[in-house]
Structure formats: structure tokens, C-alpha cells
Amino acid sequence: MIKINIKNPNQVENEYVNNIIDALSKRVRCVNKALSYLNGSPVDIEDGEITFIKTATFAIIKKIDSDKENEVGKKYSVGDFNSDIYKASVQTYIRKINSLDSTQLIRISGLFNQLLANNNAELKNLLKCKPDELKSHHNNLVKNLILPNDLFYIKLGFNYEDHNQTSKLVRAFYRDKNFIKYCPYCNLDKVEFLHNELGETAASHDLDHFYDKASFPLLCFSMYNLVPSDTTCNQTNKGTIKFTNEYHLNPYQDGFNESLVFKAALSRSTKNRYKVVLQSNESKNTDRFNKIFGKHNDSKNLKFGNVNAFKLITRYEAEDEHVSLIVDKMNLYDKHAWESIKKYVKLLPKSRIEDSYKEFYKLSFFSSFDKEFFGDYKYAKLNRDIHDEYFNKIFGKSSSIKEKLEYIFYKEK
């Protein structure tokens, strides 16, 4: 898995919040007004709010008194419906016997008031909450609610599918930013958004909700809970798996790095072909092992660990042609194959030796040597891991890449 690196994160977070806060806060405010009015409190309905308030009110009554929703003006068209009709209809409903739970409505309204207070300060914090704090932030906000009973009401204010206006703004933001070109979960399929000269979509991507929308509705618009991903990872493999902080790794937090290393092993079935092997460098039963590989004592449960959830072993085993090509290029066990590279680099100033080698690497393997740019290239981590295996076999793991290069090109006799 590749870490998603965002340049100037504070600036990007604020830009994201500014893009969607008006639309989202309006929806939350309207749901809150519906809750308050159903609980008998007077509300001021401003221009442009009545449709949202009406929708939320219908949904609540349908949930608790499905046979009485017509009493709140459903028979009126949107054009005929207005705040006076709404207020009169609600008053008629609440005067009769109904199933409203006043205590529950107060609980939910208390949460929404908290989010909207001080010019939406807490709502803004929620939208830009850091990836490692998402779950705790969500749980802290809902600590006074009764779950799962109260989730329905939260989803009226936070529903990715139903909030078309907010969701469109979110998708437009991620398409404009293109944080990463290849899926961070697999590093195999493109997730770059492209459009033609007419503005028509030519290529797009999914936005995976790391924490699922059903269990964590408050996070459905949080920036670091939305992961640009390919359809195979998001829909085919992850699907309905509920990710957790204990057994899954958020790519905004980190990538696999040295915890998981790709190795090239000779294929037993095909001569002169190599297969990809995923090797763990983490001790079992550690937090990081659990996030990447799942429960060490429950290897058959494929919901746990990113490697299992995204079926990375199977997907990379199918990349034998590519890994064989890389091994051929590296000539993994033949040090003398690097004579032509040495000659090339020696033509360049010693002060640029590291940069020069990185340029050669990019031209040879069509990916970046530097980990911070792995997300821009397919096979980036696979290529680098196999490359590093070669270097480590010859020079050991202690030397920096610069020291190794200086030894190869200038000290070797």
C-alpha cells in the first residue's frame, strides 16, 4: 500500500472545508430545525430551507409513524408547499397521539447544535480531522447518544448518497486535486481523474469511505476518511467489509514501507520466470502486523489486514511477467551487468551522483525512486523493493544509497 502524500496539508484541508461547509451545514441545520419543531420548539424557516426541512420531517415520521406522514403536507407539491403549511401540518401531527421520543430528539439536536455552534467550528474540525484521530473524534461526538438507535437521525444530516449537492462538491474537489495517480491500496490501477477538452469525464475513480458510512455517519464527508481508489479495491474486494483502526491501515496515515517487502522468487511452474512473493518484516501480534496482515492467529479470516481485504497476494501473483522483466533489468545476481551504468554516471559530476542515479532509475523502471512519489507510478513499491534487494545483497543494509553509489562508481577497482 502506498501512502497518500498531500503537499501543504493545512492549506488543502482548509480549502476542502471552505468548498463544502455551506452546503453541509445547511443540511445539518435544516435537519436540526425539523427535530426542534417536532419537539414543539418554534423555528425560523429561512429562504431555501423548507424543502430540506420537509424531507427530514417526512423521513422521521415515516420511521416512527409510517401511517401518518401525509399529515405533514406530503399531499402538497413542492411548489405549493410553504413554511405556513409545514408548521400547521406539524402542529396537527404532534397534538395527536404519536410515537415521538422527546428525549431522543433532544439528544440528537444537542449534537447538531454542538456541530453548528460558533460558525460551524466543530463541524469544520470534523471535516479536517486527522486520519489517526477519525474514529476517536467520531466516538467522542456520539458519546452521549444511544447507539445504534440514534444513528438514523444522524444520517439525516450526514448521508453521502442523499446529499447530492454536498457529494458533488466533494467529488469535484478530489477530481481537481488528483492526490494520487494510482490506487494507494494496490498500486496497480489508475485513479487519476481525466476529462477531455469539452469537460467530459474520460477517466475517474471511486472514493472509498475508510470507516463505513453506516457505522460512522459523521465521518462520511471527512477529508481523510475519503480514499481515492479503483473499483476493484473499493467495490469488488473491500465491498461491505467494515474497516477498523485495529486491523486496517489508512493510506493517509502510512504505507506498507519496510513492513511488507515484495520479493522475486523463481517460478516452479515456468522456466526462467519469476513470481512475486509478499514478505512480512513485522513481528506477529504487533499493531502494525495486524493492520497489514490481519490477525496472526486467524489467517483464514480474510476481512482483517489490508493484504487480505484487497487480495494483494493473488493480484500480485498475476504480475509475474512484470517482475520477470524487472529482474532481467536488474540482473539480480550479476554485478558486472552494471558496467554500462557506471560509465554513464561517471560522465556526470560527482556532486550529482544521487540525482543522476535516480534519473537513470526512472528511465529504466518507469517509476520513481523516491517513496514520496510512489503514488504517481504503477508498480512503484514492487520495483523499488526488488531494486533494493539487489543493492542489499552486494553492499548490505547499513550504507545509504549515496554511499553505495559512491562505492560502486568511484571506489571500486
Protein backbone atom coordinates (compact mmCIF):
# COMPACT_ATOMS: atom_id res chain seq x y z
CA MET A 1 0.00 0.00 0.00
CA ILE A 2 1.21 3.50 -0.87
CA LYS A 3 0.95 6.48 1.43
CA ILE A 4 -1.03 9.42 0.05
CA ASN A 5 1.24 12.44 0.39
CA ILE A 6 -0.52 15.80 0.36
CA LYS A 7 1.57 18.92 -0.10
CA ASN A 8 0.66 21.80 2.20
CA PRO A 9 -1.93 19.71 4.07
CA ASN A 10 -3.21 22.54 6.28
CA GLN A 11 -3.91 24.68 3.24
CA VAL A 12 -5.63 21.80 1.42
CA GLU A 13 -7.72 20.93 4.49
CA ASN A 14 -8.97 24.50 4.78
CA GLU A 15 -9.73 24.62 1.08
CA TYR A 16 -11.73 21.41 1.36
CA VAL A 17 -13.71 22.74 4.31
CA ASN A 18 -14.44 26.03 2.56
CA ASN A 19 -15.68 24.17 -0.51
CA ILE A 20 -18.36 22.14 1.23
CA ILE A 21 -19.14 23.77 4.58
CA ASP A 22 -22.03 25.92 3.35
CA ALA A 23 -23.87 23.04 1.69
CA LEU A 24 -23.29 20.58 4.54
CA SER A 25 -24.06 22.99 7.38
CA LYS A 26 -27.31 23.98 5.65
CA ARG A 27 -28.39 20.35 5.54
CA VAL A 28 -27.47 19.76 9.19
CA ARG A 29 -29.19 22.99 10.23
CA CYS A 30 -32.41 22.03 8.40
CA VAL A 31 -32.49 18.58 9.98
CA ASN A 32 -31.94 20.22 13.35
CA LYS A 33 -34.87 22.57 12.75
CA ALA A 34 -37.08 19.60 11.85
CA LEU A 35 -36.10 17.91 15.11
CA SER A 36 -36.77 21.05 17.11
CA TYR A 37 -40.15 21.72 15.55
CA LEU A 38 -41.29 18.14 16.01
CA ASN A 39 -40.33 18.55 19.64
CA GLY A 40 -42.59 21.58 19.95
CA SER A 41 -40.00 24.36 19.75
CA PRO A 42 -40.60 27.35 17.46
CA VAL A 43 -38.24 27.64 14.49
CA ASP A 44 -37.47 30.26 11.87
CA ILE A 45 -37.56 28.83 8.38
CA GLU A 46 -35.35 30.82 6.04
CA ASP A 47 -35.49 31.04 2.26
CA GLY A 48 -34.39 27.83 0.59
CA GLU A 49 -34.77 25.68 3.70
CA ILE A 50 -38.34 24.41 3.51
CA THR A 51 -37.65 21.55 1.08
CA PHE A 52 -34.82 20.16 3.24
CA ILE A 53 -36.84 20.56 6.44
CA LYS A 54 -39.88 18.92 4.85
CA THR A 55 -37.78 15.98 3.62
CA ALA A 56 -36.22 15.43 7.05
CA THR A 57 -39.60 15.67 8.78
CA PHE A 58 -41.18 13.14 6.41
CA ALA A 59 -38.29 10.74 7.00
CA ILE A 60 -38.61 10.97 10.78
CA ILE A 61 -42.39 10.47 10.81
CA LYS A 62 -42.15 7.65 8.30
CA LYS A 63 -39.60 5.98 10.56
CA ILE A 64 -41.68 6.15 13.72
CA ASP A 65 -45.29 6.58 12.45
CA SER A 66 -45.36 5.34 8.88
CA ASP A 67 -49.13 5.75 8.58
CA LYS A 68 -49.12 9.47 9.46
CA GLU A 69 -46.64 11.12 7.07
CA ASN A 70 -49.45 12.58 4.94
CA GLU A 71 -50.41 14.71 7.91
CA VAL A 72 -47.29 16.80 7.36
CA GLY A 73 -48.26 18.02 3.92
CA LYS A 74 -46.98 15.26 1.69
CA LYS A 75 -50.03 15.74 -0.49
CA TYR A 76 -48.83 19.21 -1.45
CA SER A 77 -46.44 19.69 -4.35
CA VAL A 78 -43.07 21.34 -3.69
CA GLY A 79 -44.33 24.45 -5.43
CA ASP A 80 -47.44 24.74 -3.25
CA PHE A 81 -45.72 23.72 -0.03
CA ASN A 82 -44.52 26.58 2.21
CA SER A 83 -43.50 27.18 5.80
CA ASP A 84 -47.02 28.05 6.96
CA ILE A 85 -48.42 24.76 5.60
CA TYR A 86 -45.49 22.91 7.16
CA LYS A 87 -45.93 24.43 10.60
CA ALA A 88 -49.68 23.85 10.60
CA SER A 89 -49.26 20.24 9.48
CA VAL A 90 -46.63 19.51 12.13
CA GLN A 91 -48.78 21.04 14.84
CA THR A 92 -51.68 18.83 13.77
CA TYR A 93 -49.43 15.78 13.93
CA ILE A 94 -47.84 16.44 17.33
CA ARG A 95 -51.18 17.23 19.00
CA LYS A 96 -52.38 13.73 18.21
CA ILE A 97 -51.10 10.50 19.63
CA ASN A 98 -47.69 9.83 18.10
CA SER A 99 -44.52 7.88 18.67
CA LEU A 100 -42.13 10.80 19.03
CA ASP A 101 -39.45 10.34 21.70
CA SER A 102 -38.81 13.82 23.05
CA THR A 103 -35.67 12.76 24.92
CA GLN A 104 -34.20 11.24 21.78
CA LEU A 105 -34.92 14.32 19.69
CA ILE A 106 -33.20 16.47 22.32
CA ARG A 107 -30.12 14.22 22.27
CA ILE A 108 -29.72 14.44 18.50
CA SER A 109 -30.46 18.16 18.44
CA GLY A 110 -27.80 18.64 21.10
CA LEU A 111 -25.20 17.01 18.84
CA PHE A 112 -26.20 19.13 15.85
CA ASN A 113 -26.15 22.30 17.96
CA GLN A 114 -22.63 21.39 19.05
CA LEU A 115 -21.50 20.98 15.43
CA LEU A 116 -23.11 24.24 14.26
CA ALA A 117 -22.05 26.46 17.17
CA ASN A 118 -19.51 29.27 16.70
CA ASN A 119 -19.86 29.44 12.94
CA ASN A 120 -19.73 25.63 12.46
CA ALA A 121 -16.43 25.33 14.33
CA GLU A 122 -16.87 21.71 15.44
CA LEU A 123 -18.24 20.69 12.05
CA LYS A 124 -15.16 22.17 10.37
CA ASN A 125 -12.90 20.26 12.78
CA LEU A 126 -14.75 17.08 11.90
CA LEU A 127 -14.24 17.62 8.18
CA LYS A 128 -10.46 18.05 8.52
CA CYS A 129 -9.89 15.61 11.38
CA LYS A 130 -6.51 13.84 11.02
CA PRO A 131 -6.60 10.21 9.82
CA ASP A 132 -5.31 8.74 13.07
CA GLU A 133 -7.97 10.63 15.06
CA LEU A 134 -11.04 9.88 12.92
CA LYS A 135 -12.50 7.07 15.00
CA SER A 136 -11.87 8.68 18.38
CA HIS A 137 -13.22 12.01 17.15
CA HIS A 138 -16.42 10.36 15.91
CA ASN A 139 -16.86 8.36 19.10
CA ASN A 140 -16.31 11.41 21.27
CA LEU A 141 -19.06 13.29 19.43
CA VAL A 142 -21.60 10.48 19.81
CA LYS A 143 -20.70 9.51 23.40
CA ASN A 144 -23.96 10.96 24.76
CA LEU A 145 -26.14 9.23 22.16
CA ILE A 146 -27.76 5.83 22.32
CA LEU A 147 -26.39 3.69 19.51
CA PRO A 148 -27.46 2.24 17.19
CA ASN A 149 -30.94 3.73 17.84
CA ASP A 150 -29.82 7.32 17.20
CA LEU A 151 -27.83 6.60 14.02
CA PHE A 152 -30.89 7.06 11.82
CA TYR A 153 -31.22 10.70 12.86
CA ILE A 154 -27.50 11.40 12.40
CA LYS A 155 -27.72 10.02 8.86
CA LEU A 156 -30.44 12.54 8.02
CA GLY A 157 -27.78 15.20 8.40
CA PHE A 158 -24.86 13.12 7.12
CA ASN A 159 -25.74 10.92 4.18
CA TYR A 160 -23.29 10.75 1.29
CA GLU A 161 -25.76 9.26 -1.20
CA ASP A 162 -28.71 11.52 -0.37
CA HIS A 163 -26.79 14.79 -0.06
CA ASN A 164 -26.32 15.28 -3.78
CA GLN A 165 -25.22 18.89 -3.54
CA THR A 166 -22.53 18.22 -0.92
CA SER A 167 -21.40 14.96 -2.53
CA LYS A 168 -20.94 16.66 -5.90
CA LEU A 169 -18.74 19.30 -4.27
CA VAL A 170 -16.69 16.57 -2.57
CA ARG A 171 -16.16 14.63 -5.80
CA ALA A 172 -15.25 17.80 -7.68
CA PHE A 173 -12.63 18.63 -5.05
CA TYR A 174 -10.93 15.22 -5.25
CA ARG A 175 -11.05 15.25 -9.03
CA ASP A 176 -9.44 18.66 -9.13
CA LYS A 177 -6.70 17.74 -6.66
CA ASN A 178 -5.80 14.28 -8.01
CA PHE A 179 -3.88 13.50 -4.82
CA ILE A 180 -2.61 10.22 -6.23
CA LYS A 181 -2.49 8.70 -9.72
CA TYR A 182 -2.51 5.02 -8.79
CA CYS A 183 -4.70 3.36 -6.21
CA PRO A 184 -2.99 3.57 -2.81
CA TYR A 185 -4.43 0.23 -1.74
CA CYS A 186 -2.91 -1.83 -4.59
CA ASN A 187 -0.60 0.47 -6.63
CA LEU A 188 -1.83 -1.35 -9.74
CA ASP A 189 -4.80 0.55 -11.21
CA LYS A 190 -5.12 4.22 -12.10
CA VAL A 191 -7.27 6.55 -10.04
CA GLU A 192 -6.41 9.77 -11.82
CA PHE A 193 -9.37 11.88 -12.93
CA LEU A 194 -9.19 12.99 -16.56
CA HIS A 195 -11.51 14.99 -18.78
CA ASN A 196 -11.46 15.96 -22.45
CA GLU A 197 -11.46 19.44 -23.95
CA LEU A 198 -15.25 19.57 -23.67
CA GLY A 199 -15.07 18.93 -19.94
CA GLU A 200 -16.48 15.42 -20.28
CA THR A 201 -15.15 12.76 -17.91
CA ALA A 202 -12.62 10.48 -19.59
CA ALA A 203 -11.38 8.58 -16.53
CA SER A 204 -12.48 8.64 -12.93
CA HIS A 205 -12.12 6.84 -9.60
CA ASP A 206 -14.06 5.73 -6.56
CA LEU A 207 -13.96 7.42 -3.17
CA ASP A 208 -13.73 4.71 -0.56
CA HIS A 209 -15.02 5.53 2.91
CA PHE A 210 -12.28 4.02 5.08
CA TYR A 211 -14.68 3.91 8.03
CA ASP A 212 -18.01 2.77 6.63
CA LYS A 213 -20.88 5.22 6.31
CA ALA A 214 -23.37 3.03 8.19
CA SER A 215 -21.33 2.73 11.39
CA PHE A 216 -19.61 6.12 11.26
CA PRO A 217 -22.05 8.50 9.55
CA LEU A 218 -20.41 11.63 10.95
CA LEU A 219 -17.25 10.74 9.01
CA CYS A 220 -18.89 10.36 5.59
CA PHE A 221 -17.64 13.80 4.48
CA SER A 222 -14.37 13.90 6.47
CA MET A 223 -11.49 14.52 4.10
CA TYR A 224 -9.14 11.83 5.47
CA ASN A 225 -11.90 9.23 5.51
CA LEU A 226 -12.30 9.51 1.73
CA VAL A 227 -9.68 7.48 -0.12
CA PRO A 228 -9.33 7.75 -3.92
CA SER A 229 -9.32 4.12 -5.05
CA ASP A 230 -10.02 1.91 -8.02
CA THR A 231 -13.26 -0.01 -8.45
CA THR A 232 -11.63 -3.40 -7.88
CA CYS A 233 -10.26 -2.41 -4.47
CA ASN A 234 -13.28 -0.42 -3.33
CA GLN A 235 -16.23 -2.40 -4.65
CA THR A 236 -15.02 -5.88 -5.63
CA ASN A 237 -12.59 -6.58 -2.79
CA LYS A 238 -13.41 -4.31 0.15
CA GLY A 239 -17.13 -4.20 -0.58
CA THR A 240 -19.00 -4.32 2.72
CA ILE A 241 -16.00 -5.11 4.93
CA LYS A 242 -16.05 -2.77 7.90
CA PHE A 243 -12.58 -1.36 8.34
CA THR A 244 -11.18 -0.71 11.80
CA ASN A 245 -8.17 1.11 13.17
CA GLU A 246 -7.01 -2.14 14.76
CA TYR A 247 -6.90 -4.32 11.64
CA HIS A 248 -6.58 -1.93 8.69
CA LEU A 249 -4.20 0.81 7.61
CA ASN A 250 -5.42 4.17 6.30
CA PRO A 251 -3.21 5.29 3.36
CA TYR A 252 -3.35 8.87 4.57
CA GLN A 253 -1.50 7.66 7.68
CA ASP A 254 1.13 5.45 6.16
CA GLY A 255 2.08 2.91 3.51
CA PHE A 256 3.49 -0.58 3.94
CA ASN A 257 7.07 0.76 3.82
CA GLU A 258 9.51 -1.87 5.12
CA SER A 259 6.81 -3.79 7.00
CA LEU A 260 5.91 -5.59 3.78
CA VAL A 261 8.51 -6.22 1.10
CA PHE A 262 8.00 -7.59 -2.39
CA LYS A 263 10.43 -10.34 -3.35
CA ALA A 264 11.13 -12.04 -6.66
CA ALA A 265 11.22 -15.83 -6.48
CA LEU A 266 11.87 -18.28 -9.31
CA SER A 267 8.67 -19.89 -10.51
CA ARG A 268 8.47 -23.64 -10.12
CA SER A 269 5.98 -23.99 -12.94
CA THR A 270 7.52 -21.78 -15.65
CA LYS A 271 11.20 -21.83 -16.63
CA ASN A 272 13.10 -18.54 -16.34
CA ARG A 273 10.06 -16.83 -14.89
CA TYR A 274 9.73 -15.16 -11.55
CA LYS A 275 6.76 -14.73 -9.26
CA VAL A 276 6.04 -12.07 -6.67
CA VAL A 277 6.23 -13.03 -3.01
CA LEU A 278 5.00 -10.74 -0.22
CA GLN A 279 7.28 -10.95 2.80
CA SER A 280 6.45 -9.64 6.25
CA ASN A 281 9.15 -7.88 8.26
CA GLU A 282 6.85 -7.34 11.25
CA SER A 283 6.62 -9.50 14.34
CA LYS A 284 3.28 -11.22 14.69
CA ASN A 285 0.71 -9.85 17.10
CA THR A 286 2.04 -6.30 16.78
CA ASP A 287 -0.35 -3.50 15.92
CA ARG A 288 1.31 -2.93 12.56
CA PHE A 289 1.26 -6.62 11.64
CA ASN A 290 -2.45 -6.76 12.42
CA LYS A 291 -3.19 -3.72 10.23
CA ILE A 292 -1.31 -5.12 7.26
CA PHE A 293 -1.69 -8.90 7.51
CA GLY A 294 -4.66 -9.36 9.84
CA LYS A 295 -5.00 -11.50 12.94
CA HIS A 296 -1.87 -13.63 13.33
CA ASN A 297 -3.91 -16.43 14.94
CA ASP A 298 -6.77 -16.29 12.44
CA SER A 299 -5.17 -16.44 9.00
CA LYS A 300 -8.36 -17.73 7.38
CA ASN A 301 -10.36 -14.61 8.21
CA LEU A 302 -9.74 -12.57 5.07
CA LYS A 303 -11.56 -9.48 6.31
CA PHE A 304 -8.64 -8.46 8.50
CA GLY A 305 -5.48 -6.78 7.25
CA ASN A 306 -5.11 -4.75 4.06
CA VAL A 307 -3.25 -7.57 2.32
CA ASN A 308 -6.24 -9.87 2.81
CA ALA A 309 -9.01 -7.33 2.27
CA PHE A 310 -7.60 -6.23 -1.09
CA LYS A 311 -6.41 -9.73 -2.09
CA LEU A 312 -2.94 -8.40 -2.80
CA ILE A 313 -1.24 -11.80 -2.81
CA THR A 314 -3.46 -13.05 -5.63
CA ARG A 315 -3.29 -9.78 -7.53
CA TYR A 316 0.50 -9.59 -7.43
CA GLU A 317 0.95 -13.27 -8.25
CA ALA A 318 -0.65 -12.37 -11.57
CA GLU A 319 2.13 -9.84 -12.23
CA ASP A 320 4.79 -12.49 -12.97
CA GLU A 321 5.55 -11.03 -16.40
CA HIS A 322 6.38 -7.64 -14.96
CA VAL A 323 8.51 -8.94 -12.10
CA SER A 324 10.45 -11.16 -14.52
CA LEU A 325 11.13 -8.09 -16.63
CA ILE A 326 12.40 -6.15 -13.60
CA VAL A 327 14.64 -8.99 -12.50
CA ASP A 328 16.10 -9.17 -16.01
CA LYS A 329 16.78 -5.45 -15.93
CA MET A 330 18.39 -5.63 -12.52
CA ASN A 331 20.27 -8.81 -13.40
CA LEU A 332 19.84 -9.55 -9.77
CA TYR A 333 22.83 -11.83 -9.25
CA ASP A 334 25.31 -10.37 -11.77
CA LYS A 335 27.24 -7.37 -10.52
CA HIS A 336 29.10 -6.95 -13.81
CA ALA A 337 25.91 -6.05 -15.64
CA TRP A 338 26.23 -2.57 -14.17
CA GLU A 339 29.34 -1.58 -16.11
CA SER A 340 27.34 0.43 -18.65
CA ILE A 341 25.52 2.26 -15.87
CA LYS A 342 28.83 3.07 -14.18
CA LYS A 343 30.14 4.57 -17.39
CA TYR A 344 27.02 6.67 -17.78
CA VAL A 345 27.12 8.04 -14.25
CA LYS A 346 30.86 8.73 -14.36
CA LEU A 347 30.23 11.22 -17.15
CA LEU A 348 28.29 13.34 -14.65
CA PRO A 349 29.60 15.46 -11.77
CA LYS A 350 30.12 13.52 -8.54
CA SER A 351 28.01 16.11 -6.72
CA ARG A 352 25.00 14.90 -8.72
CA ILE A 353 25.61 11.20 -8.34
CA GLU A 354 22.45 10.50 -6.36
CA ASP A 355 20.22 12.61 -8.62
CA SER A 356 21.80 11.08 -11.69
CA TYR A 357 21.13 7.58 -10.49
CA LYS A 358 17.52 8.45 -9.71
CA GLU A 359 17.12 9.76 -13.25
CA PHE A 360 18.51 6.50 -14.60
CA TYR A 361 16.18 4.54 -12.33
CA LYS A 362 13.12 6.43 -13.56
CA LEU A 363 14.06 5.90 -17.19
CA SER A 364 14.73 2.20 -16.63
CA PHE A 365 11.80 1.22 -14.45
CA PHE A 366 9.22 3.87 -15.34
CA SER A 367 8.67 4.70 -11.68
CA SER A 368 10.10 6.97 -9.03
CA PHE A 369 12.99 6.00 -6.80
CA ASP A 370 11.67 8.25 -4.03
CA LYS A 371 8.88 6.83 -1.86
CA GLU A 372 7.05 10.15 -1.62
CA PHE A 373 6.23 9.87 -5.36
CA PHE A 374 5.27 6.17 -5.42
CA GLY A 375 1.62 7.11 -5.85
CA ASP A 376 2.34 8.58 -9.29
CA TYR A 377 3.55 5.30 -10.80
CA LYS A 378 2.30 1.74 -11.23
CA TYR A 379 4.41 -0.99 -9.56
CA ALA A 380 6.38 1.71 -7.72
CA LYS A 381 6.94 -0.18 -4.46
CA LEU A 382 7.40 -3.53 -6.19
CA ASN A 383 10.11 -2.06 -8.43
CA ARG A 384 11.91 -0.35 -5.58
CA ASP A 385 11.82 -3.43 -3.33
CA ILE A 386 13.37 -5.67 -5.98
CA HIS A 387 15.95 -2.99 -6.75
CA ASP A 388 16.86 -2.69 -3.07
CA GLU A 389 17.21 -6.45 -2.78
CA TYR A 390 19.99 -6.28 -5.37
CA PHE A 391 21.81 -3.47 -3.61
CA ASN A 392 21.50 -5.09 -0.20
CA LYS A 393 22.87 -8.41 -1.46
CA ILE A 394 26.03 -6.71 -2.62
CA PHE A 395 26.56 -3.90 -0.12
CA GLY A 396 24.47 -4.81 2.90
CA LYS A 397 21.76 -2.75 4.51
CA SER A 398 23.94 -0.38 6.51
CA SER A 399 25.06 2.04 3.81
CA SER A 400 22.93 4.85 2.48
CA ILE A 401 22.09 4.84 -1.21
CA LYS A 402 24.58 7.67 -1.73
CA GLU A 403 27.38 5.74 -0.02
CA LYS A 404 26.59 2.66 -2.06
CA LEU A 405 26.64 4.61 -5.31
CA GLU A 406 29.93 6.30 -4.46
CA TYR A 407 31.43 2.90 -3.73
CA ILE A 408 30.18 1.41 -6.99
CA PHE A 409 31.20 4.25 -9.25
CA TYR A 410 34.29 5.76 -7.65
CA LYS A 411 36.00 3.44 -5.19
CA GLU A 412 35.65 0.11 -6.90
CA LYS A 413 38.74 -1.11 -8.72
